[in-house]
Amino acid sequence: MRNKDFIGRVSHDMLEQEDLDAANVLMDLAKDTGSVDRLLAKAPTNQNRNPKKISASAFDSEFSIIHFLSAVRLVLITPVAEDFTVTHSRRVESDKCINASECVQKKLPSLTIEEIVQRLRSSPGDARIFELKASLKDLVRGALKIFSSTIAPSGVPSWQPLITYHKSSKHWSWIGPIPSLLFRGECACVSPKAWGLRSQTLNKLVECFSEWLRASRDMLQKIWNLPPPPLEFMVHWSSAERFSATRNLKISIATISPSSEQVRAYFRMEEALRYLVPQQSFSYTTVDGKKSSVAPMRRCSGKPSRKARDHFILKPNRPPCFTMLCLVRDAAARLPDGMGTRSDICTLVRDSQFIIEDIDDDQVEHVVSGALDRLHYELDPCIRFDRDSRLWFYMHGDREQEDYEYDGTSSIKIHNKMKLPTLDILTSFLNPALSLLFFLKKKKRKKEIVMHISLLKSHLYNFTKIIAGGETEKKRAVSF
C-alpha cells in the first residue's frame, strides 16, 4: 500500500493533521524520495497550523533510523504477557488502534539487551538493517544510550530520560511517555503523537543516533570485521585438574600452558582494536573461548600525552595510554573461567604485542605482582585475591558496557568520593599542640619548645598540601 493511501485512511481521531504531515515526511525521507522542501510542499497542510519539519541530515545512514528507534521503543512498551510475535509481525493497514490504558496498567517489561535484540529480530522497523555487516546488539546499545541520556540534546527544553537501567539485574525499563492510544501501522508508529513527544524532540533523538553512528562506525566496523576466534586451538581446562597441585604449595605455579601462535595472533588483533578507542569498554576472548569485558581507560584532565612513558619491559612504540596496569588487567581478563594464579597471569602477559619479548621471567613476575596489588586496592577492583586458595579472580568478566557507564571505574569515581579535611579535624589537631606549647613555655623548656614548634609547622604544611591537592582533584573530577 502506498504511503499516501495509508495516510488517507487513518482517522483524524487517532492523529492530528500536523502529526500526519510529520509522519508522512518521515516516511518519504526514510525512502529517500526527495528533499525536505519538496516533501513539505507536497504534504497536505492546514492553513491554521504550521507543519512540523523534520531535518534530512539525520537520515544519511543506510537504513531508516526513525523506524529502527520506533521498533526499539515498541519492544520496551509492549507488555510481556502479549503475544509478541503475532503483535509485531502484523501489519495494520486500516484505521485500527489499540487502547493503551490496559498496557499502562500492566507492568511494562524489564528486558536485558539480549532479550531486546531477540524480540527486535522479528520486527526491526527497517529490514535493510539485516543487509548491513553490523551487529544488531551494538545498534540497540546505541539506541539505549540515546534514550537513557541524562544530558538534554541541544535545543530540547525540559528533557527527561526515556528509559532507565537496573544495574543489579542488567535490565532496561521504559519510563518515558506512553500515549493514551497505542498506534499500529508503518507510518503511525513513527509520528510524534505515537511517541508522546514533540516533533522537535523526536527529530533530535534521530539526529543524536545518527551522530553516534557516524562517530562509532569506523570502530564498530573493525570489530564486526574481526574473524571468528580460533576455537579449535583454545584449550578448555578443568578447574579441579588445574588447581589440584597448587593447594598445598606456598609458591605460585602456572596452571595453563603458553598460548599457541593462532590464539596469540587473535588476541593481538583484539588488543590493537581495544586501544584505538581506550575510553570505551571492550570484550576480549579468553583463552578458553569465552568473552570477558574490560573497563574503559581512565580519563584524565588536560591534553593526552602523545608519547608513552619509558618502561623497561614495555616497547616504546606502544599506545601512549598503555601502562603496566593495562597489560595486567588485559591478561587477568583472559584467564580461563576468570581465575588463575599469579604465574598464569605472567604467562598471558607475554601474549601482548607491547611487551619486550626477551624480558626475564623474574622481572615480569616482579612487575606483575606490583600491578596486581594496585588493581586489587582500587575502589571498584577488577580482580580479587583469595588467601585460602591463593588464586586471583577476575570480577568484571560478565559486565556490560552500561555497567561501567552507570557505576564508573574506580579511577574516575574515587575523585568524587574524596573527602577533604575539615575544620574540626584541624581544631582537634591544633588544640592539644597549643596546650603543650603553653605548658612547655610555663616550665621554660626552650629546647623542647623549639622542637615542637618546628614539628607543628611541618604538620601544618602537610595539612595545607592535602587541602590544595584535594581541591585540585575535585576540579579534575568536575571536568570529566
Protein backbone atom coordinates (compact mmCIF):
# COMPACT_ATOMS: atom_id res chain seq x y z
CA MET A 1 0.00 0.00 0.00
CA ARG A 2 1.31 3.40 -0.89
CA ASN A 3 2.13 5.83 1.86
CA LYS A 4 -0.40 8.45 0.65
CA ASP A 5 -3.17 5.87 0.57
CA PHE A 6 -2.35 4.82 4.10
CA ILE A 7 -2.37 8.42 5.31
CA GLY A 8 -5.74 8.99 3.76
CA ARG A 9 -7.26 6.03 5.59
CA VAL A 10 -6.04 6.97 9.08
CA SER A 11 -8.75 8.54 11.22
CA HIS A 12 -8.30 12.13 12.44
CA ASP A 13 -9.38 10.90 15.86
CA MET A 14 -6.14 8.96 16.06
CA LEU A 15 -3.73 11.61 14.81
CA GLU A 16 -4.00 15.32 14.26
CA GLN A 17 -3.32 16.62 10.76
CA GLU A 18 0.05 18.13 11.65
CA ASP A 19 1.21 14.82 13.10
CA LEU A 20 0.12 13.05 9.93
CA ASP A 21 2.13 15.56 7.92
CA ALA A 22 5.22 14.95 10.05
CA ALA A 23 4.79 11.18 9.78
CA ASN A 24 4.35 11.46 6.02
CA VAL A 25 7.58 13.44 5.71
CA LEU A 26 9.42 10.92 7.88
CA MET A 27 8.19 8.04 5.72
CA ASP A 28 9.31 9.68 2.48
CA LEU A 29 12.64 10.71 3.95
CA ALA A 30 13.27 7.14 5.01
CA LYS A 31 12.68 6.03 1.43
CA ASP A 32 14.90 8.81 0.03
CA THR A 33 12.14 10.07 -2.25
CA GLY A 34 13.22 13.70 -2.29
CA SER A 35 14.38 16.75 -0.41
CA VAL A 36 12.67 18.11 2.67
CA ASP A 37 11.40 21.25 0.97
CA ARG A 38 9.83 19.29 -1.88
CA LEU A 39 8.26 16.80 0.51
CA LEU A 40 6.81 19.50 2.71
CA ALA A 41 5.46 21.26 -0.36
CA LYS A 42 3.72 18.03 -1.40
CA ALA A 43 2.38 17.21 2.06
CA PRO A 44 -1.17 18.36 2.84
CA THR A 45 -1.15 21.32 5.21
CA ASN A 46 -3.65 23.15 7.34
CA GLN A 47 -3.54 26.94 6.93
CA ASN A 48 -4.17 27.45 10.64
CA ARG A 49 -1.25 25.23 11.68
CA ASN A 50 2.45 25.18 10.94
CA PRO A 51 3.71 21.83 9.63
CA LYS A 52 6.37 20.14 11.74
CA LYS A 53 9.55 19.93 9.70
CA ILE A 54 11.95 17.03 10.10
CA SER A 55 15.61 17.51 9.31
CA ALA A 56 17.04 15.44 6.48
CA SER A 57 20.57 15.40 7.91
CA ALA A 58 19.55 12.68 10.33
CA PHE A 59 18.74 10.23 7.53
CA ASP A 60 22.12 9.80 5.94
CA SER A 61 22.59 6.20 7.08
CA GLU A 62 21.84 3.03 5.17
CA PHE A 63 18.56 2.34 6.96
CA SER A 64 15.67 4.32 8.39
CA ILE A 65 16.73 5.49 11.84
CA ILE A 66 13.27 6.65 12.89
CA HIS A 67 11.79 3.24 12.10
CA PHE A 68 14.58 1.46 13.98
CA LEU A 69 14.22 3.68 17.06
CA SER A 70 10.45 3.25 16.95
CA ALA A 71 10.86 -0.52 16.83
CA VAL A 72 13.13 -0.43 19.90
CA ARG A 73 10.60 1.74 21.72
CA LEU A 74 7.76 -0.61 20.78
CA VAL A 75 9.68 -3.55 22.26
CA LEU A 76 10.11 -1.68 25.54
CA ILE A 77 6.47 -0.60 25.90
CA THR A 78 4.81 -3.87 24.86
CA PRO A 79 3.84 -5.99 27.89
CA VAL A 80 5.49 -9.37 28.06
CA ALA A 81 2.12 -11.10 28.50
CA GLU A 82 1.13 -10.06 25.00
CA ASP A 83 2.00 -12.47 22.19
CA PHE A 84 4.93 -10.53 20.83
CA THR A 85 5.44 -12.45 17.61
CA VAL A 86 1.86 -12.03 16.50
CA THR A 87 1.71 -8.39 17.58
CA HIS A 88 4.84 -7.20 15.82
CA SER A 89 4.71 -9.24 12.65
CA ARG A 90 1.22 -7.99 11.92
CA ARG A 91 0.83 -5.05 9.52
CA VAL A 92 -2.26 -2.99 10.19
CA GLU A 93 -3.43 -1.32 7.02
CA SER A 94 -6.73 0.02 8.29
CA ASP A 95 -7.69 2.72 10.79
CA LYS A 96 -7.24 0.42 13.80
CA CYS A 97 -5.52 1.41 17.01
CA ILE A 98 -5.24 -0.36 20.35
CA ASN A 99 -6.26 1.37 23.55
CA ALA A 100 -3.09 1.61 25.66
CA SER A 101 -4.81 2.15 29.01
CA GLU A 102 -4.58 -1.56 29.73
CA CYS A 103 -0.89 -1.52 28.75
CA VAL A 104 -0.24 1.31 31.20
CA GLN A 105 -1.95 -0.57 33.99
CA LYS A 106 0.14 -3.64 33.34
CA LYS A 107 3.74 -3.71 34.36
CA LEU A 108 5.89 -2.73 31.40
CA PRO A 109 8.59 -5.24 30.50
CA SER A 110 12.04 -5.08 32.05
CA LEU A 111 14.38 -6.60 29.48
CA THR A 112 18.06 -7.36 29.10
CA ILE A 113 19.77 -6.16 25.97
CA GLU A 114 19.83 -9.75 24.65
CA GLU A 115 16.05 -10.01 25.10
CA ILE A 116 15.54 -6.69 23.32
CA VAL A 117 17.67 -7.88 20.40
CA GLN A 118 15.85 -11.21 20.22
CA ARG A 119 12.43 -9.55 20.07
CA LEU A 120 13.63 -6.91 17.66
CA ARG A 121 14.67 -9.51 15.10
CA SER A 122 11.03 -10.24 14.30
CA SER A 123 10.31 -6.57 13.60
CA PRO A 124 13.41 -4.34 13.26
CA GLY A 125 11.48 -1.40 11.82
CA ASP A 126 13.52 -1.46 8.60
CA ALA A 127 14.51 -4.79 7.05
CA ARG A 128 17.53 -3.15 5.39
CA ILE A 129 19.27 -3.29 8.75
CA PHE A 130 19.86 -7.01 8.22
CA GLU A 131 21.71 -6.26 4.97
CA LEU A 132 24.42 -4.39 6.87
CA LYS A 133 27.53 -6.10 8.16
CA ALA A 134 26.54 -4.89 11.59
CA SER A 135 25.81 -6.33 14.98
CA LEU A 136 22.20 -5.65 15.91
CA LYS A 137 23.23 -5.68 19.57
CA ASP A 138 25.65 -2.78 19.03
CA LEU A 139 22.97 -0.75 17.23
CA VAL A 140 20.47 -1.46 20.01
CA ARG A 141 23.06 -0.40 22.59
CA GLY A 142 23.47 2.89 20.73
CA ALA A 143 19.71 3.48 20.79
CA LEU A 144 19.52 2.67 24.51
CA LYS A 145 22.38 5.07 25.14
CA ILE A 146 20.46 7.88 23.44
CA PHE A 147 17.20 7.05 25.23
CA SER A 148 18.84 6.90 28.66
CA SER A 149 20.94 10.03 28.36
CA THR A 150 20.55 12.41 31.30
CA ILE A 151 22.02 15.28 29.26
CA ALA A 152 19.45 17.17 27.22
CA PRO A 153 20.16 17.36 23.48
CA SER A 154 20.82 20.89 22.28
CA GLY A 155 17.61 22.76 21.58
CA VAL A 156 15.39 20.37 23.57
CA PRO A 157 13.88 22.02 26.67
CA SER A 158 12.81 20.04 29.75
CA TRP A 159 14.42 16.79 28.62
CA GLN A 160 13.82 13.62 30.64
CA PRO A 161 15.37 10.17 30.00
CA LEU A 162 13.06 7.74 28.26
CA ILE A 163 14.48 4.54 29.79
CA THR A 164 16.37 3.51 32.91
CA TYR A 165 18.95 0.80 33.51
CA HIS A 166 18.82 -1.53 36.52
CA LYS A 167 22.45 -2.37 37.16
CA SER A 168 21.83 -5.22 39.60
CA SER A 169 19.66 -7.20 37.16
CA LYS A 170 21.08 -5.74 33.89
CA HIS A 171 17.55 -4.89 32.71
CA TRP A 172 16.19 -1.88 30.82
CA SER A 173 12.77 -0.35 31.52
CA TRP A 174 10.77 2.32 29.71
CA ILE A 175 10.00 5.40 31.84
CA GLY A 176 9.11 7.79 29.02
CA PRO A 177 5.66 8.96 27.96
CA ILE A 178 3.07 6.41 26.91
CA PRO A 179 0.29 7.96 24.82
CA SER A 180 -3.32 7.11 25.58
CA LEU A 181 -3.53 5.37 22.22
CA LEU A 182 -1.08 2.72 21.05
CA PHE A 183 -0.83 3.14 17.29
CA ARG A 184 -0.19 0.40 14.79
CA GLY A 185 0.96 0.79 11.24
CA GLU A 186 4.17 1.63 9.42
CA CYS A 187 3.54 5.36 9.33
CA ALA A 188 1.59 5.96 12.53
CA CYS A 189 4.20 4.44 14.87
CA VAL A 190 6.89 6.95 13.81
CA SER A 191 4.78 10.05 14.43
CA PRO A 192 5.45 12.40 17.37
CA LYS A 193 1.90 11.71 18.57
CA ALA A 194 2.61 7.99 18.88
CA TRP A 195 5.83 8.68 20.78
CA GLY A 196 4.15 11.21 23.05
CA LEU A 197 6.94 13.68 22.27
CA ARG A 198 7.31 16.94 20.46
CA SER A 199 8.33 16.80 16.84
CA GLN A 200 11.48 18.75 17.73
CA THR A 201 12.42 16.25 20.45
CA LEU A 202 11.86 13.25 18.20
CA ASN A 203 13.95 14.86 15.48
CA LYS A 204 16.78 15.45 17.97
CA LEU A 205 16.70 11.80 19.05
CA VAL A 206 17.15 10.75 15.44
CA GLU A 207 19.97 13.26 14.95
CA CYS A 208 21.74 12.09 18.12
CA PHE A 209 21.61 8.46 16.99
CA SER A 210 22.87 9.46 13.54
CA GLU A 211 25.79 11.35 15.10
CA TRP A 212 26.57 8.40 17.38
CA LEU A 213 26.53 6.05 14.40
CA ARG A 214 28.87 8.27 12.39
CA ALA A 215 31.29 8.62 15.32
CA SER A 216 31.27 4.91 16.16
CA ARG A 217 31.01 3.40 12.69
CA ASP A 218 34.73 3.02 11.98
CA MET A 219 35.42 1.30 15.29
CA LEU A 220 32.30 -0.86 15.11
CA GLN A 221 33.08 -1.83 11.53
CA LYS A 222 36.53 -3.06 12.56
CA ILE A 223 35.03 -5.09 15.39
CA TRP A 224 32.37 -6.55 13.07
CA ASN A 225 35.08 -7.47 10.54
CA LEU A 226 37.06 -9.46 13.11
CA PRO A 227 37.27 -13.12 12.10
CA PRO A 228 35.82 -15.67 14.49
CA PRO A 229 38.20 -16.77 17.26
CA PRO A 230 40.28 -19.91 16.60
CA LEU A 231 38.29 -22.12 18.97
CA GLU A 232 39.98 -25.28 17.71
CA PHE A 233 43.26 -24.02 19.19
CA MET A 234 41.75 -22.95 22.51
CA VAL A 235 42.08 -25.38 25.41
CA HIS A 236 39.28 -26.00 27.90
CA TRP A 237 40.76 -26.82 31.28
CA SER A 238 39.06 -28.43 34.25
CA SER A 239 39.34 -26.27 37.35
CA ALA A 240 39.77 -29.31 39.59
CA GLU A 241 42.67 -30.57 37.50
CA ARG A 242 44.25 -27.13 37.15
CA PHE A 243 44.44 -26.34 40.85
CA SER A 244 44.90 -29.79 42.34
CA ALA A 245 48.67 -29.28 42.51
CA THR A 246 48.50 -25.74 43.93
CA ARG A 247 46.53 -26.37 47.12
CA ASN A 248 49.44 -27.28 49.36
CA LEU A 249 52.02 -25.03 47.72
CA LYS A 250 53.08 -21.66 49.10
CA ILE A 251 54.58 -20.56 45.80
CA SER A 252 52.77 -19.61 42.61
CA ILE A 253 52.97 -22.03 39.70
CA ALA A 254 51.44 -21.88 36.23
CA THR A 255 48.32 -23.98 35.66
CA ILE A 256 47.96 -23.12 31.95
CA SER A 257 50.33 -23.57 29.04
CA PRO A 258 51.58 -20.71 26.84
CA SER A 259 49.18 -19.66 24.08
CA SER A 260 49.51 -21.09 20.60
CA GLU A 261 50.53 -18.84 17.73
CA GLN A 262 46.94 -18.71 16.46
CA VAL A 263 45.49 -17.72 19.84
CA ARG A 264 48.21 -15.14 20.40
CA ALA A 265 47.69 -13.60 16.95
CA TYR A 266 43.94 -13.30 17.53
CA PHE A 267 44.47 -11.64 20.91
CA ARG A 268 46.82 -9.12 19.34
CA MET A 269 44.14 -8.18 16.79
CA GLU A 270 41.70 -7.59 19.66
CA GLU A 271 44.35 -5.71 21.65
CA ALA A 272 45.04 -3.34 18.75
CA LEU A 273 41.32 -2.55 18.44
CA ARG A 274 40.91 -2.07 22.19
CA TYR A 275 43.48 0.73 22.31
CA LEU A 276 42.17 2.53 19.25
CA VAL A 277 39.35 3.83 21.46
CA PRO A 278 40.55 3.17 25.02
CA GLN A 279 37.78 5.30 26.57
CA GLN A 280 35.24 2.60 25.70
CA SER A 281 34.79 -0.78 27.32
CA PHE A 282 35.90 -3.79 25.32
CA SER A 283 35.32 -7.56 25.27
CA TYR A 284 38.29 -9.89 24.93
CA THR A 285 38.19 -13.56 24.01
CA THR A 286 39.54 -15.64 26.90
CA VAL A 287 41.96 -18.49 26.32
CA ASP A 288 39.08 -20.95 26.69
CA GLY A 289 36.93 -19.20 24.06
CA LYS A 290 34.56 -17.12 26.22
CA LYS A 291 34.02 -13.36 26.26
CA SER A 292 35.33 -11.15 29.06
CA SER A 293 34.83 -7.41 29.50
CA VAL A 294 37.41 -4.78 30.48
CA ALA A 295 36.65 -1.30 31.78
CA PRO A 296 37.21 1.93 29.86
CA MET A 297 40.54 3.59 30.43
CA ARG A 298 40.86 6.36 32.98
CA ARG A 299 40.02 9.79 31.58
CA CYS A 300 42.47 12.44 32.75
CA SER A 301 42.17 16.20 32.59
CA GLY A 302 44.40 18.17 30.27
CA LYS A 303 45.80 17.20 26.90
CA PRO A 304 46.53 13.49 26.41
CA SER A 305 50.17 12.53 26.05
CA ARG A 306 51.35 11.69 22.55
CA LYS A 307 54.30 9.63 23.73
CA ALA A 308 54.33 6.63 26.04
CA ARG A 309 56.45 6.77 29.16
CA ASP A 310 59.59 4.68 29.17
CA HIS A 311 59.31 1.30 30.88
CA PHE A 312 61.93 -1.40 30.95
CA ILE A 313 59.57 -4.24 29.91
CA LEU A 314 57.27 -2.30 27.54
CA LYS A 315 58.01 -1.29 23.96
CA PRO A 316 58.46 2.44 23.35
CA ASN A 317 56.17 2.46 20.28
CA ARG A 318 53.12 1.31 22.23
CA PRO A 319 49.97 3.49 22.56
CA PRO A 320 50.54 6.41 24.97
CA CYS A 321 47.74 5.22 27.25
CA PHE A 322 49.12 1.69 27.58
CA THR A 323 50.63 1.04 31.03
CA MET A 324 51.55 -1.93 33.19
CA LEU A 325 48.06 -1.79 34.73
CA CYS A 326 46.57 -2.20 31.24
CA LEU A 327 48.88 -5.10 30.49
CA VAL A 328 48.00 -6.97 33.68
CA ARG A 329 44.27 -6.14 33.53
CA ASP A 330 44.01 -7.50 29.99
CA ALA A 331 45.85 -10.67 30.99
CA ALA A 332 43.62 -11.21 34.03
CA ALA A 333 40.53 -10.72 31.85
CA ARG A 334 41.65 -13.63 29.63
CA LEU A 335 42.07 -16.16 32.45
CA PRO A 336 40.12 -19.40 31.86
CA ASP A 337 36.97 -19.40 33.99
CA GLY A 338 38.05 -15.96 35.25
CA MET A 339 40.56 -17.33 37.77
CA GLY A 340 44.19 -18.35 37.99
CA THR A 341 47.49 -17.97 39.78
CA ARG A 342 49.89 -15.07 39.53
CA SER A 343 52.07 -17.23 37.29
CA ASP A 344 49.08 -17.77 34.96
CA ILE A 345 48.76 -14.00 34.59
CA CYS A 346 52.50 -13.76 33.90
CA THR A 347 52.05 -16.37 31.17
CA LEU A 348 49.22 -14.44 29.49
CA VAL A 349 51.06 -11.13 29.83
CA ARG A 350 53.59 -12.38 27.29
CA ASP A 351 50.88 -12.60 24.60
CA SER A 352 50.81 -8.80 24.33
CA GLN A 353 52.38 -7.15 21.31
CA PHE A 354 53.54 -4.27 23.51
CA ILE A 355 55.84 -6.24 25.84
CA ILE A 356 59.52 -6.83 25.10
CA GLU A 357 59.82 -10.48 24.11
CA ASP A 358 63.17 -11.37 25.68
CA ILE A 359 62.46 -9.90 29.12
CA ASP A 360 63.44 -12.07 32.08
CA ASP A 361 60.72 -14.09 33.87
CA ASP A 362 61.74 -12.75 37.29
CA GLN A 363 61.37 -9.17 36.10
CA VAL A 364 57.94 -9.91 34.63
CA GLU A 365 56.79 -11.57 37.85
CA HIS A 366 58.04 -8.65 39.96
CA VAL A 367 56.23 -6.04 37.85
CA VAL A 368 53.04 -8.12 37.57
CA SER A 369 52.97 -8.58 41.35
CA GLY A 370 53.09 -4.82 41.91
CA ALA A 371 50.40 -4.15 39.28
CA LEU A 372 48.09 -6.77 40.83
CA ASP A 373 48.40 -5.07 44.21
CA ARG A 374 47.44 -1.72 42.69
CA LEU A 375 44.46 -3.19 40.83
CA HIS A 376 43.38 -5.09 43.92
CA TYR A 377 43.06 -1.98 46.08
CA GLU A 378 41.12 0.18 43.65
CA LEU A 379 37.70 1.41 44.71
CA ASP A 380 36.00 -0.76 42.08
CA PRO A 381 38.58 -3.55 41.74
CA CYS A 382 38.53 -5.74 38.66
CA ILE A 383 40.36 -8.53 40.50
CA ARG A 384 40.10 -10.22 43.90
CA PHE A 385 42.65 -12.35 45.73
CA ASP A 386 41.52 -15.37 47.73
CA ARG A 387 44.00 -16.09 50.51
CA ASP A 388 42.80 -19.64 51.14
CA SER A 389 43.20 -20.87 47.57
CA ARG A 390 45.90 -18.28 46.71
CA LEU A 391 44.11 -17.58 43.43
CA TRP A 392 43.25 -14.37 41.61
CA PHE A 393 39.66 -13.90 40.39
CA TYR A 394 38.64 -11.51 37.61
CA MET A 395 35.45 -9.70 38.66
CA HIS A 396 34.36 -7.73 35.57
CA GLY A 397 34.09 -10.53 33.03
CA ASP A 398 30.29 -10.54 32.68
CA ARG A 399 29.80 -6.78 32.84
CA GLU A 400 28.03 -4.90 30.09
CA GLN A 401 29.10 -1.54 28.72
CA GLU A 402 26.25 0.06 30.65
CA ASP A 403 27.61 -1.23 33.97
CA TYR A 404 30.76 0.82 33.55
CA GLU A 405 28.87 3.92 32.44
CA TYR A 406 26.45 3.83 35.36
CA ASP A 407 28.85 2.63 38.07
CA GLY A 408 32.03 4.27 36.86
CA THR A 409 35.53 2.89 37.04
CA SER A 410 37.43 3.21 40.27
CA SER A 411 39.95 5.67 38.93
CA ILE A 412 37.19 8.11 37.96
CA LYS A 413 34.82 7.57 40.85
CA ILE A 414 37.47 7.94 43.53
CA HIS A 415 37.74 11.67 42.79
CA ASN A 416 34.07 12.19 43.53
CA LYS A 417 34.36 10.14 46.72
CA MET A 418 37.34 12.09 48.02
CA LYS A 419 36.76 13.76 51.38
CA LEU A 420 38.77 16.82 52.33
CA PRO A 421 39.99 17.51 55.89
CA THR A 422 37.51 19.65 57.77
CA LEU A 423 37.97 22.47 60.26
CA ASP A 424 37.03 20.08 63.07
CA ILE A 425 39.98 17.86 62.23
CA LEU A 426 42.29 20.88 62.15
CA THR A 427 40.98 22.11 65.51
CA SER A 428 41.33 18.69 67.14
CA PHE A 429 44.94 18.64 65.98
CA LEU A 430 45.87 22.22 66.95
CA ASN A 431 44.30 22.42 70.41
CA PRO A 432 46.46 19.70 72.06
CA ALA A 433 49.56 21.03 70.30
CA LEU A 434 48.97 24.59 71.56
CA SER A 435 48.24 23.35 75.07
CA LEU A 436 51.56 21.50 75.07
CA LEU A 437 53.39 24.63 73.91
CA PHE A 438 51.88 26.74 76.71
CA PHE A 439 52.88 24.08 79.24
CA LEU A 440 56.46 23.98 77.97
CA LYS A 441 56.65 27.77 77.97
CA LYS A 442 55.49 27.83 81.57
CA LYS A 443 58.21 25.33 82.51
CA LYS A 444 60.78 27.32 80.47
CA ARG A 445 61.88 24.35 78.38
CA LYS A 446 63.20 26.29 75.42
CA LYS A 447 64.76 23.39 73.51
CA GLU A 448 61.55 21.35 73.61
CA ILE A 449 59.51 24.43 72.62
CA VAL A 450 61.66 24.98 69.53
CA MET A 451 61.40 21.30 68.60
CA HIS A 452 57.60 21.21 68.94
CA ILE A 453 57.15 24.46 67.03
CA SER A 454 59.20 23.02 64.17
CA LEU A 455 57.12 19.84 64.25
CA LEU A 456 53.90 21.85 64.32
CA LYS A 457 54.96 23.87 61.27
CA SER A 458 55.72 20.66 59.40
CA HIS A 459 52.28 19.23 60.19
CA LEU A 460 50.54 22.44 59.14
CA TYR A 461 52.48 22.49 55.88
CA ASN A 462 51.44 18.91 55.09
CA PHE A 463 47.87 19.75 56.05
CA THR A 464 47.70 22.65 53.59
CA LYS A 465 49.18 20.44 50.85
CA ILE A 466 46.42 17.88 51.41
CA ILE A 467 43.76 20.59 51.11
CA ALA A 468 45.33 22.05 47.96
CA GLY A 469 45.70 18.61 46.39
CA GLY A 470 42.13 17.70 47.23
CA GLU A 471 40.77 20.86 45.66
CA THR A 472 42.79 20.14 42.52
CA GLU A 473 41.38 16.61 42.33
CA LYS A 474 37.85 17.93 42.78
CA LYS A 475 38.35 20.33 39.87
CA ARG A 476 39.61 17.46 37.74
CA ALA A 477 36.60 15.37 38.68
CA VAL A 478 34.26 18.18 37.64
CA SER A 479 35.98 18.39 34.25
CA PHE A 480 35.22 14.72 33.44
